[in-house]
Amino acid sequence: MSKAFTYAPLLAELKARVRAVQVRAAVAVNREIILLCWHIWREIMRIQKTEGWGTKVVARLVQSLPKNLHSSLPTIEDIKWEQAKPRTRKSITK
């Protein structure tokens, strides 16, 4: 009976912590994407100001960027899960 008593609160706490981390991660990702978009916009405006309007800055950038930019990012299969495991104090000090 004591296993059921301690299991449910532990499960609830773990679910809550996972959800909180997911929300913080999503907020961080959104922030970085917004900052990237602003940076790209500023650079395009800077180039258009020096080169002049109608020089097809955006069209040239689209041609120069890889078609599938995400294909250069690591996939879940690329992650070395052994390295992501929590370490014990003893293994850290070796």
Foldseek 3Di string as FASTA:
>chain_A
DVCVVVVVVVVVVVVVVVVVVVVVVVVVVVVVVVVVVVVVVVVLVVVCVVVHPPPPPVVVVCVVDDPCNCVVPDDPVPDDVVVVDDDDPVVVVD
